[in-house]
N, C-alpha and C. Protein backbone atom coordinates (compact mmCIF):
# COMPACT_ATOMS: atom_id res chain seq x y z
N MET A 1 125.11 143.97 -2.20
CA MET A 1 125.87 143.22 -1.21
C MET A 1 125.56 142.70 -0.23
N ASN A 2 126.03 141.79 -0.35
CA ASN A 2 125.38 140.29 0.93
C ASN A 2 126.10 140.77 2.44
N THR A 3 125.50 140.72 3.47
CA THR A 3 126.35 141.52 4.52
C THR A 3 125.59 140.21 5.53
N GLU A 4 125.52 139.32 5.08
CA GLU A 4 125.03 138.24 6.27
C GLU A 4 126.08 137.26 6.82
N ASN A 5 126.18 137.21 8.46
CA ASN A 5 127.01 136.80 9.06
C ASN A 5 127.28 135.09 8.95
N LYS A 6 128.11 134.91 8.23
CA LYS A 6 128.46 133.27 8.18
C LYS A 6 128.71 132.92 9.09
N LYS A 7 128.43 131.52 9.50
CA LYS A 7 128.77 131.06 10.93
C LYS A 7 130.19 130.26 10.53
N PRO A 8 131.13 130.33 11.13
CA PRO A 8 132.27 129.25 10.73
C PRO A 8 132.47 128.19 10.37
N PRO A 9 133.07 127.68 9.65
CA PRO A 9 132.94 126.21 9.38
C PRO A 9 132.53 124.89 10.33
N HIS A 10 131.87 124.29 10.80
CA HIS A 10 132.41 123.13 11.53
C HIS A 10 132.53 121.72 11.26
N ILE A 11 133.62 121.02 12.44
CA ILE A 11 133.16 119.64 12.29
C ILE A 11 132.92 118.97 13.00
N SER A 12 132.40 118.25 13.08
CA SER A 12 131.39 117.10 14.07
C SER A 12 132.24 116.06 14.85
N PHE A 13 132.39 115.91 15.96
CA PHE A 13 133.16 115.10 16.90
C PHE A 13 133.29 113.44 16.41
N ARG A 14 132.52 113.01 15.81
CA ARG A 14 132.16 111.70 14.83
C ARG A 14 133.35 112.04 13.91
N GLN A 15 133.93 112.37 12.91
CA GLN A 15 134.97 113.04 11.92
C GLN A 15 136.24 113.40 12.39
N PHE A 16 136.59 113.77 13.90
CA PHE A 16 137.65 114.61 14.60
C PHE A 16 138.05 112.61 14.89
N ILE A 17 136.66 111.99 15.19
CA ILE A 17 137.38 110.90 16.40
C ILE A 17 137.46 109.76 15.38
N GLU A 18 137.07 109.63 13.98
CA GLU A 18 137.39 108.97 12.98
C GLU A 18 138.65 109.16 12.38
N LYS A 19 139.25 110.41 12.40
CA LYS A 19 140.73 110.72 11.83
C LYS A 19 141.83 109.55 12.99
N PHE A 20 141.34 108.79 14.17
CA PHE A 20 142.39 107.65 14.56
C PHE A 20 141.64 106.47 14.78
N PRO A 21 142.80 105.88 14.02
CA PRO A 21 142.53 104.03 14.12
C PRO A 21 142.95 103.34 15.08
N GLU A 22 141.52 102.79 15.25
CA GLU A 22 141.65 101.61 16.54
C GLU A 22 142.96 100.86 16.20
N VAL A 23 143.73 100.84 17.33
CA VAL A 23 144.93 99.87 16.72
C VAL A 23 145.06 98.18 18.49
N GLU A 24 146.03 97.61 18.14
CA GLU A 24 145.54 96.38 19.26
C GLU A 24 146.99 97.17 19.78
N LEU A 25 146.37 97.04 21.39
CA LEU A 25 147.43 96.95 22.31
C LEU A 25 148.23 96.37 22.60
N PRO A 26 149.70 95.64 23.55
CA PRO A 26 150.17 96.99 23.46
C PRO A 26 151.17 98.13 22.20
N VAL A 27 151.04 98.94 22.82
CA VAL A 27 151.75 99.86 21.31
C VAL A 27 153.40 101.03 22.58
N MET A 28 154.17 101.35 21.83
CA MET A 28 155.37 101.82 22.09
C MET A 28 155.69 103.14 21.20
N LEU A 29 155.77 103.99 22.11
CA LEU A 29 155.31 105.50 21.39
C LEU A 29 157.70 105.79 21.88
N SER A 30 157.80 106.21 20.48
CA SER A 30 159.29 107.03 20.54
C SER A 30 158.88 107.53 19.16
N GLU A 31 160.44 108.31 19.23
CA GLU A 31 160.28 109.35 18.29
C GLU A 31 160.36 108.28 16.48
N GLU A 32 160.87 106.71 16.93
CA GLU A 32 160.54 106.05 15.62
C GLU A 32 159.36 105.62 14.63
N THR A 33 158.69 105.61 16.74
CA THR A 33 157.19 104.71 15.91
C THR A 33 156.14 106.48 15.01
N ALA A 34 156.90 107.42 15.73
CA ALA A 34 156.42 108.50 15.39
C ALA A 34 156.48 109.13 13.86
N HIS A 35 157.36 108.43 13.04
CA HIS A 35 157.65 108.22 11.51
C HIS A 35 156.50 106.92 11.14
N ILE A 36 156.34 106.47 11.59
CA ILE A 36 155.61 105.47 10.90
C ILE A 36 154.16 106.27 11.28
N PHE A 37 153.58 106.66 12.15
CA PHE A 37 152.19 107.07 12.22
C PHE A 37 152.30 108.67 11.08
N SER A 38 153.43 109.20 10.81
CA SER A 38 153.33 109.93 9.80
C SER A 38 153.11 109.57 8.46
N LYS A 39 153.19 108.25 8.21
CA LYS A 39 153.52 107.81 6.97
C LYS A 39 152.06 107.42 7.14
N GLU A 40 151.70 106.78 7.70
CA GLU A 40 150.45 105.78 7.44
C GLU A 40 149.03 107.33 8.27
N ASN A 41 149.09 107.91 8.44
CA ASN A 41 147.88 108.67 9.32
C ASN A 41 148.53 110.55 8.45
N ASN A 42 147.61 110.81 7.74
CA ASN A 42 147.34 112.47 7.25
C ASN A 42 147.68 113.35 8.62
N PRO A 43 148.41 114.84 8.52
CA PRO A 43 148.23 115.37 9.14
C PRO A 43 146.72 116.05 9.52
N LEU A 44 146.43 116.54 10.88
CA LEU A 44 145.16 117.12 11.02
C LEU A 44 144.47 118.40 10.80
N PRO A 45 143.63 118.36 10.07
CA PRO A 45 143.27 120.31 9.60
C PRO A 45 143.36 120.63 10.46
N ASN A 46 143.75 121.84 10.41
CA ASN A 46 143.82 123.27 12.01
C ASN A 46 142.70 123.31 12.21
N LEU A 47 141.33 123.81 11.45
CA LEU A 47 140.21 124.13 12.22
C LEU A 47 139.77 122.59 13.55
N MET A 48 140.60 121.00 12.77
CA MET A 48 140.12 119.72 13.78
C MET A 48 140.95 120.72 15.01
N VAL A 49 142.27 120.35 14.96
CA VAL A 49 143.16 120.99 15.69
C VAL A 49 142.60 121.88 17.01
N GLU A 50 141.64 123.04 16.41
CA GLU A 50 141.37 123.91 16.99
C GLU A 50 140.29 124.00 18.10
N GLN A 51 139.45 122.81 17.20
CA GLN A 51 138.18 122.99 17.92
C GLN A 51 138.37 121.44 18.58
N PHE A 52 139.33 120.82 18.88
CA PHE A 52 139.06 119.53 20.01
C PHE A 52 140.45 119.37 20.46
N MET A 53 141.02 119.88 19.70
CA MET A 53 142.80 119.55 20.74
C MET A 53 143.65 120.41 21.78
N LEU A 54 143.08 121.74 21.19
CA LEU A 54 144.49 122.61 21.60
C LEU A 54 143.39 123.42 23.10
N THR A 55 144.05 123.54 24.44
CA THR A 55 143.93 124.57 25.51
C THR A 55 144.26 125.64 25.08
N PRO A 56 143.56 126.70 25.67
CA PRO A 56 143.52 128.32 25.23
C PRO A 56 145.03 129.01 24.82
N GLU A 57 145.96 127.94 25.75
CA GLU A 57 147.64 128.67 26.04
C GLU A 57 148.11 128.07 24.50
N GLU A 58 148.13 126.92 24.53
CA GLU A 58 148.23 127.06 23.04
C GLU A 58 148.30 127.31 22.23
N ARG A 59 146.87 127.53 21.73
CA ARG A 59 146.33 128.48 20.30
C ARG A 59 147.22 129.49 21.21
N ASP A 60 147.33 130.17 21.32
CA ASP A 60 148.25 131.19 21.54
C ASP A 60 149.23 131.66 21.53
N SER A 61 150.17 130.13 21.57
CA SER A 61 151.39 130.12 21.34
C SER A 61 151.53 129.59 20.08
N LEU A 62 150.70 128.52 19.76
CA LEU A 62 151.28 127.98 18.01
C LEU A 62 152.10 128.73 17.02
N ASP A 63 152.54 127.59 16.03
CA ASP A 63 153.10 128.30 15.17
C ASP A 63 152.69 128.00 14.15
N GLY A 64 152.77 128.37 12.52
CA GLY A 64 152.49 127.61 11.06
C GLY A 64 152.77 126.17 10.95
N MET A 65 154.19 126.06 11.71
CA MET A 65 155.12 125.04 11.80
C MET A 65 154.70 123.77 12.13
N THR A 66 154.02 124.06 12.96
CA THR A 66 153.46 122.93 14.57
C THR A 66 152.78 121.73 13.45
N GLU A 67 153.32 120.33 13.57
CA GLU A 67 151.93 119.75 12.69
C GLU A 67 151.68 118.84 13.47
N PHE A 68 149.82 117.82 13.14
CA PHE A 68 149.73 117.63 14.47
C PHE A 68 149.42 116.10 13.66
N VAL A 69 149.54 114.77 13.93
CA VAL A 69 149.58 113.66 13.41
C VAL A 69 148.26 113.07 14.43
N PRO A 70 147.25 112.59 14.22
CA PRO A 70 147.09 111.29 14.61
C PRO A 70 147.45 110.11 14.62
N CYS A 71 147.61 109.18 15.83
CA CYS A 71 148.00 108.37 16.02
C CYS A 71 146.99 107.30 15.75
N PHE A 72 146.39 107.02 16.91
CA PHE A 72 145.40 106.09 17.22
C PHE A 72 143.80 106.33 18.15
N ARG A 73 143.09 105.19 18.27
CA ARG A 73 142.56 105.28 19.23
C ARG A 73 142.77 104.22 20.17
N VAL A 74 142.39 104.08 21.64
CA VAL A 74 142.56 103.06 22.19
C VAL A 74 141.10 102.43 21.75
N PRO A 75 141.20 100.73 21.93
CA PRO A 75 140.69 100.39 21.85
C PRO A 75 140.01 99.78 23.25
N GLN A 76 138.27 99.65 22.87
CA GLN A 76 137.24 99.07 23.42
C GLN A 76 137.43 99.96 25.04
N THR A 77 136.74 101.17 24.58
CA THR A 77 136.94 101.98 26.05
C THR A 77 135.58 101.99 26.18
N TYR A 78 134.85 101.68 25.44
CA TYR A 78 133.38 101.34 25.87
C TYR A 78 132.80 102.78 26.05
N ASP A 79 132.80 103.36 27.33
CA ASP A 79 132.19 104.59 27.82
C ASP A 79 132.79 106.35 27.25
N PHE A 80 134.47 106.03 26.92
CA PHE A 80 134.40 107.27 26.38
C PHE A 80 135.83 106.56 25.47
N TYR A 81 136.14 107.90 24.76
CA TYR A 81 136.95 107.43 23.83
C TYR A 81 138.55 107.99 24.06
N ALA A 82 139.48 107.35 23.69
CA ALA A 82 140.62 107.84 24.29
C ALA A 82 141.82 107.84 22.96
N VAL A 83 142.08 108.81 22.71
CA VAL A 83 143.24 109.38 21.41
C VAL A 83 144.60 108.92 21.85
N VAL A 84 145.70 109.44 20.87
CA VAL A 84 147.01 109.78 20.85
C VAL A 84 147.12 110.43 19.52
N TYR A 85 147.78 111.82 19.96
CA TYR A 85 148.34 111.88 18.83
C TYR A 85 149.55 112.81 18.94
N TRP A 86 150.22 112.85 17.65
CA TRP A 86 151.64 113.52 18.33
C TRP A 86 151.40 114.58 17.31
N ARG A 87 152.29 116.12 18.48
CA ARG A 87 152.77 116.97 18.02
C ARG A 87 153.76 117.28 17.69
N GLY A 88 154.09 117.64 16.27
CA GLY A 88 155.77 118.22 16.04
C GLY A 88 155.84 119.73 15.50
N GLY A 89 156.67 120.03 16.27
CA GLY A 89 157.23 121.05 16.08
C GLY A 89 159.18 121.19 16.18
N LEU A 90 159.56 122.63 16.01
CA LEU A 90 161.00 122.41 16.05
C LEU A 90 161.45 122.63 17.54
N MET A 91 162.42 120.68 17.47
CA MET A 91 162.64 121.20 18.65
C MET A 91 161.76 121.10 20.01
N ASP A 92 160.60 120.41 19.80
CA ASP A 92 159.61 120.10 20.91
C ASP A 92 158.49 119.22 19.80
N HIS A 93 158.61 118.05 20.14
CA HIS A 93 157.88 116.87 19.76
C HIS A 93 157.51 115.81 20.54
N ARG A 94 155.75 115.40 20.74
CA ARG A 94 155.30 114.97 22.00
C ARG A 94 154.15 114.02 21.53
N TYR A 95 154.07 113.09 21.93
CA TYR A 95 152.63 112.29 22.31
C TYR A 95 151.52 112.85 23.56
N VAL A 96 150.10 112.83 22.68
CA VAL A 96 149.89 113.40 24.07
C VAL A 96 148.30 112.72 24.19
N MET A 97 147.80 111.94 24.92
CA MET A 97 147.03 111.22 25.32
C MET A 97 145.55 112.32 25.43
N LEU A 98 144.22 112.46 24.59
CA LEU A 98 143.34 113.22 24.96
C LEU A 98 141.93 112.12 25.33
N THR A 99 141.67 112.44 26.31
CA THR A 99 140.45 111.53 26.59
C THR A 99 138.66 112.43 26.54
N PHE A 100 137.67 112.17 25.71
CA PHE A 100 136.22 112.78 25.61
C PHE A 100 135.38 111.67 25.84
N THR A 101 134.35 111.85 26.30
CA THR A 101 132.85 111.49 26.87
C THR A 101 132.17 111.33 25.15
N LYS A 102 131.54 110.28 24.74
CA LYS A 102 131.16 109.94 23.63
C LYS A 102 130.64 110.47 23.28
N ASP A 103 129.91 112.22 23.43
CA ASP A 103 129.09 112.86 22.78
C ASP A 103 130.29 114.41 22.68
N GLY A 104 131.77 113.80 22.59
CA GLY A 104 133.06 114.84 22.32
C GLY A 104 133.08 115.65 23.66
N ARG A 105 132.93 115.64 25.27
CA ARG A 105 133.71 116.83 26.39
C ARG A 105 134.50 116.08 26.54
N PRO A 106 135.51 117.06 26.93
CA PRO A 106 137.03 116.46 26.84
C PRO A 106 136.57 115.66 28.55
N ILE A 107 137.99 114.72 28.77
CA ILE A 107 137.78 114.39 30.06
C ILE A 107 139.11 114.96 30.38
N ASP A 108 140.07 114.44 29.92
CA ASP A 108 141.48 114.10 30.68
C ASP A 108 142.68 114.76 29.25
N ARG A 109 143.58 115.17 29.69
CA ARG A 109 144.96 115.00 28.81
C ARG A 109 145.68 114.89 29.17
N ARG A 110 146.57 114.32 28.37
CA ARG A 110 148.39 113.97 29.68
C ARG A 110 149.30 113.74 28.23
N VAL A 111 150.39 114.59 28.09
CA VAL A 111 152.00 114.09 27.57
C VAL A 111 152.33 113.07 28.04
N LEU A 112 152.90 111.85 27.04
CA LEU A 112 153.27 110.70 27.18
C LEU A 112 154.49 110.68 26.46
N ALA A 113 155.00 111.09 26.13
CA ALA A 113 156.39 110.80 25.56
C ALA A 113 156.82 112.14 24.34
N GLY A 114 157.97 111.87 24.22
CA GLY A 114 158.26 113.21 23.29
C GLY A 114 159.49 113.54 23.35
N MET A 115 160.37 114.93 23.10
CA MET A 115 161.42 114.97 23.06
C MET A 115 161.54 117.00 22.91
N TYR A 116 161.87 117.56 23.83
CA TYR A 116 161.77 118.45 24.06
C TYR A 116 162.89 119.74 24.65
N SER A 117 163.66 120.63 23.58
CA SER A 117 164.93 121.19 24.17
C SER A 117 164.41 122.63 24.96
N ASP A 118 165.38 123.00 26.02
CA ASP A 118 165.00 124.91 26.72
C ASP A 118 166.26 125.07 25.66
N GLY A 119 167.41 124.90 25.17
CA GLY A 119 168.74 125.64 25.23
C GLY A 119 169.72 125.13 25.94
N GLN A 120 169.15 124.59 26.74
CA GLN A 120 170.30 123.94 28.51
C GLN A 120 170.14 122.79 28.17
N SER A 121 169.23 122.15 27.77
CA SER A 121 168.96 120.78 28.16
C SER A 121 168.12 119.48 27.10
N ILE A 122 168.26 118.73 27.02
CA ILE A 122 167.59 118.12 25.51
C ILE A 122 166.46 116.91 27.20
N VAL A 123 165.27 116.96 26.80
CA VAL A 123 164.24 115.78 27.57
C VAL A 123 163.92 115.01 26.87
N GLN A 124 164.25 113.36 26.56
CA GLN A 124 163.68 112.61 25.94
C GLN A 124 162.43 111.35 27.01
N SER A 125 161.47 111.11 26.14
CA SER A 125 160.96 110.53 27.04
C SER A 125 160.42 109.60 25.72
N VAL A 126 160.20 108.07 25.88
CA VAL A 126 159.38 107.19 25.04
C VAL A 126 158.27 106.47 26.47
N ALA A 127 157.04 106.19 26.22
CA ALA A 127 156.07 105.18 26.59
C ALA A 127 156.02 103.72 26.34
N HIS A 128 155.51 103.14 27.16
CA HIS A 128 154.65 101.60 26.44
C HIS A 128 153.21 101.86 27.41
N ILE A 129 152.43 101.16 26.30
CA ILE A 129 150.65 101.36 26.62
C ILE A 129 150.85 100.32 26.54
N GLU A 130 150.45 99.58 27.59
CA GLU A 130 150.00 98.03 27.92
C GLU A 130 148.48 97.92 27.39
N ASP A 131 148.10 96.43 27.73
CA ASP A 131 146.31 96.13 26.65
C ASP A 131 145.39 96.32 28.16
N ASP A 132 145.89 96.50 29.24
CA ASP A 132 145.08 96.66 30.83
C ASP A 132 145.13 98.14 30.97
N TRP A 133 145.98 99.05 29.72
CA TRP A 133 145.77 100.54 30.11
C TRP A 133 146.94 101.10 31.19
N SER A 134 147.62 100.37 31.44
CA SER A 134 149.00 101.09 31.93
C SER A 134 149.80 101.45 31.14
N ILE A 135 150.35 102.87 31.79
CA ILE A 135 151.06 103.13 30.43
C ILE A 135 152.46 103.62 31.47
N TYR A 136 153.81 103.10 31.24
CA TYR A 136 155.12 102.99 31.48
C TYR A 136 156.00 104.11 30.93
N ILE A 137 156.54 105.17 31.33
CA ILE A 137 157.02 106.73 30.77
C ILE A 137 158.30 106.52 31.29
N VAL A 138 159.88 106.63 30.28
CA VAL A 138 161.23 107.18 31.07
C VAL A 138 161.37 107.83 30.00
N SER A 139 161.86 108.86 31.00
CA SER A 139 162.92 110.08 30.73
C SER A 139 164.20 110.01 30.85
N GLY A 140 164.54 110.67 29.92
CA GLY A 140 166.20 111.11 30.41
C GLY A 140 166.55 112.43 29.90
N LYS A 141 167.02 112.83 31.00
CA LYS A 141 167.48 114.47 30.26
C LYS A 141 168.93 114.39 30.31
N GLN A 142 169.25 115.49 29.57
CA GLN A 142 170.90 115.54 29.06
C GLN A 142 171.43 117.36 28.70
N LYS A 143 172.23 117.66 29.57
CA LYS A 143 172.54 119.10 29.34
C LYS A 143 173.12 118.59 27.85
N VAL A 144 172.81 120.19 26.67
CA VAL A 144 173.72 120.15 25.68
C VAL A 144 174.96 120.19 25.80
N SER A 145 175.75 120.68 26.61
CA SER A 145 176.91 120.77 26.17
C SER A 145 177.60 119.27 26.84
N ASP A 146 176.76 118.44 27.45
CA ASP A 146 177.45 117.13 28.40
C ASP A 146 177.40 116.21 27.06
N LYS A 147 178.47 115.49 26.79
CA LYS A 147 179.25 114.60 25.96
C LYS A 147 177.95 113.73 25.36
N MET A 148 178.78 112.48 24.51
CA MET A 148 177.25 111.45 24.80
C MET A 148 176.97 110.67 26.12
N GLY A 149 175.66 110.66 25.94
CA GLY A 149 175.58 109.68 27.26
C GLY A 149 174.83 110.47 28.48
N SER A 150 173.89 110.13 28.77
CA SER A 150 173.11 110.73 29.83
C SER A 150 173.58 109.82 31.06
N GLU A 151 173.59 110.72 32.50
CA GLU A 151 173.80 109.89 33.92
C GLU A 151 172.56 109.45 34.39
N ALA A 152 172.69 108.43 34.93
CA ALA A 152 171.67 107.51 35.32
C ALA A 152 170.43 108.00 36.25
N SER A 153 171.77 109.04 37.04
CA SER A 153 170.59 110.10 38.01
C SER A 153 169.73 110.77 37.10
N LYS A 154 169.62 111.64 35.80
CA LYS A 154 169.16 112.32 35.17
C LYS A 154 167.88 111.21 34.41
N ASN A 155 167.55 109.85 34.39
CA ASN A 155 166.74 109.41 34.29
C ASN A 155 165.72 109.13 35.09
N THR A 156 164.18 109.39 34.67
CA THR A 156 163.18 109.02 35.72
C THR A 156 161.96 107.91 34.57
N ALA A 157 161.79 107.31 35.41
CA ALA A 157 161.04 106.31 35.33
C ALA A 157 159.36 106.55 36.10
N ARG A 158 158.08 106.61 35.58
CA ARG A 158 156.76 106.68 36.03
C ARG A 158 155.70 105.90 35.32
N GLU A 159 154.59 105.51 36.02
CA GLU A 159 153.24 104.89 35.67
C GLU A 159 151.91 105.53 35.46
N LEU A 160 151.55 105.59 34.49
CA LEU A 160 150.47 106.47 34.98
C LEU A 160 149.16 105.40 34.29
N GLU A 161 147.78 105.45 34.68
CA GLU A 161 147.20 104.50 34.25
C GLU A 161 145.35 105.27 33.68
N LEU A 162 145.04 104.72 32.40
CA LEU A 162 143.51 105.15 31.97
C LEU A 162 142.69 104.54 32.80
N LEU A 163 141.75 104.89 33.19
CA LEU A 163 141.07 104.63 33.88
C LEU A 163 139.91 104.44 33.34
N PRO A 164 138.58 103.51 34.05
CA PRO A 164 137.22 103.26 33.08
C PRO A 164 136.60 104.31 32.62
N GLU A 165 136.76 104.95 33.50
CA GLU A 165 135.86 106.32 33.73
C GLU A 165 136.97 107.74 32.53
N GLY A 166 137.99 107.40 31.92
CA GLY A 166 138.85 108.37 30.93
C GLY A 166 139.61 109.02 31.55
N GLN A 167 139.83 109.45 33.13
CA GLN A 167 141.19 109.64 33.94
C GLN A 167 142.46 109.08 33.44
N ILE A 168 143.22 110.52 33.37
CA ILE A 168 144.78 109.75 32.76
C ILE A 168 145.36 110.06 34.82
N VAL A 169 145.90 108.90 35.40
CA VAL A 169 146.35 108.82 36.89
C VAL A 169 147.54 108.75 36.78
N ASP A 170 148.41 109.27 37.56
CA ASP A 170 149.79 108.92 37.61
C ASP A 170 149.72 107.50 39.74
N ILE A 171 150.02 106.72 39.19
CA ILE A 171 150.08 105.67 40.01
C ILE A 171 151.79 105.37 40.14
N SER A 172 152.74 106.18 40.04
CA SER A 172 153.77 105.51 40.92
C SER A 172 154.39 105.78 41.67
N ASP A 173 155.14 105.32 43.05
CA ASP A 173 154.96 105.48 43.77
C ASP A 173 155.56 106.63 44.59
């Protein structure tokens, strides 16, 4: 009987980063573009997701139905990588930007857009990433019991910026 301890499979950072095709900016992130990314890119393997993308809290709350789709890599970042993925679960879809050093150490992460519901209300956000790395986010919140439309007071706008060091900062007034 072989009692050797086997090392768990390992995926290199290079294998992970290559799942994210570089795209030309500007890019819009919305529910509609999620379908395009899903058609063009296969979902990420669980091991890759666990190794490079999840926080400890996310690992504990994951269900078997959540899908992670690589969307794109921000071009011309030189000293770091910036990638965006789509996470799709039941009543919780979101685009997340992750930044890493060139050797794969995490720098920053930020949810940019998506849709989620807490049962009482639905929040939807869209994001537009400009070629100067400015990120504009518009969000709307609507109570589940509301009729069609949402009130202007429930809408918010934010501006983020991806810095040359890989940090994602809020520059909204």
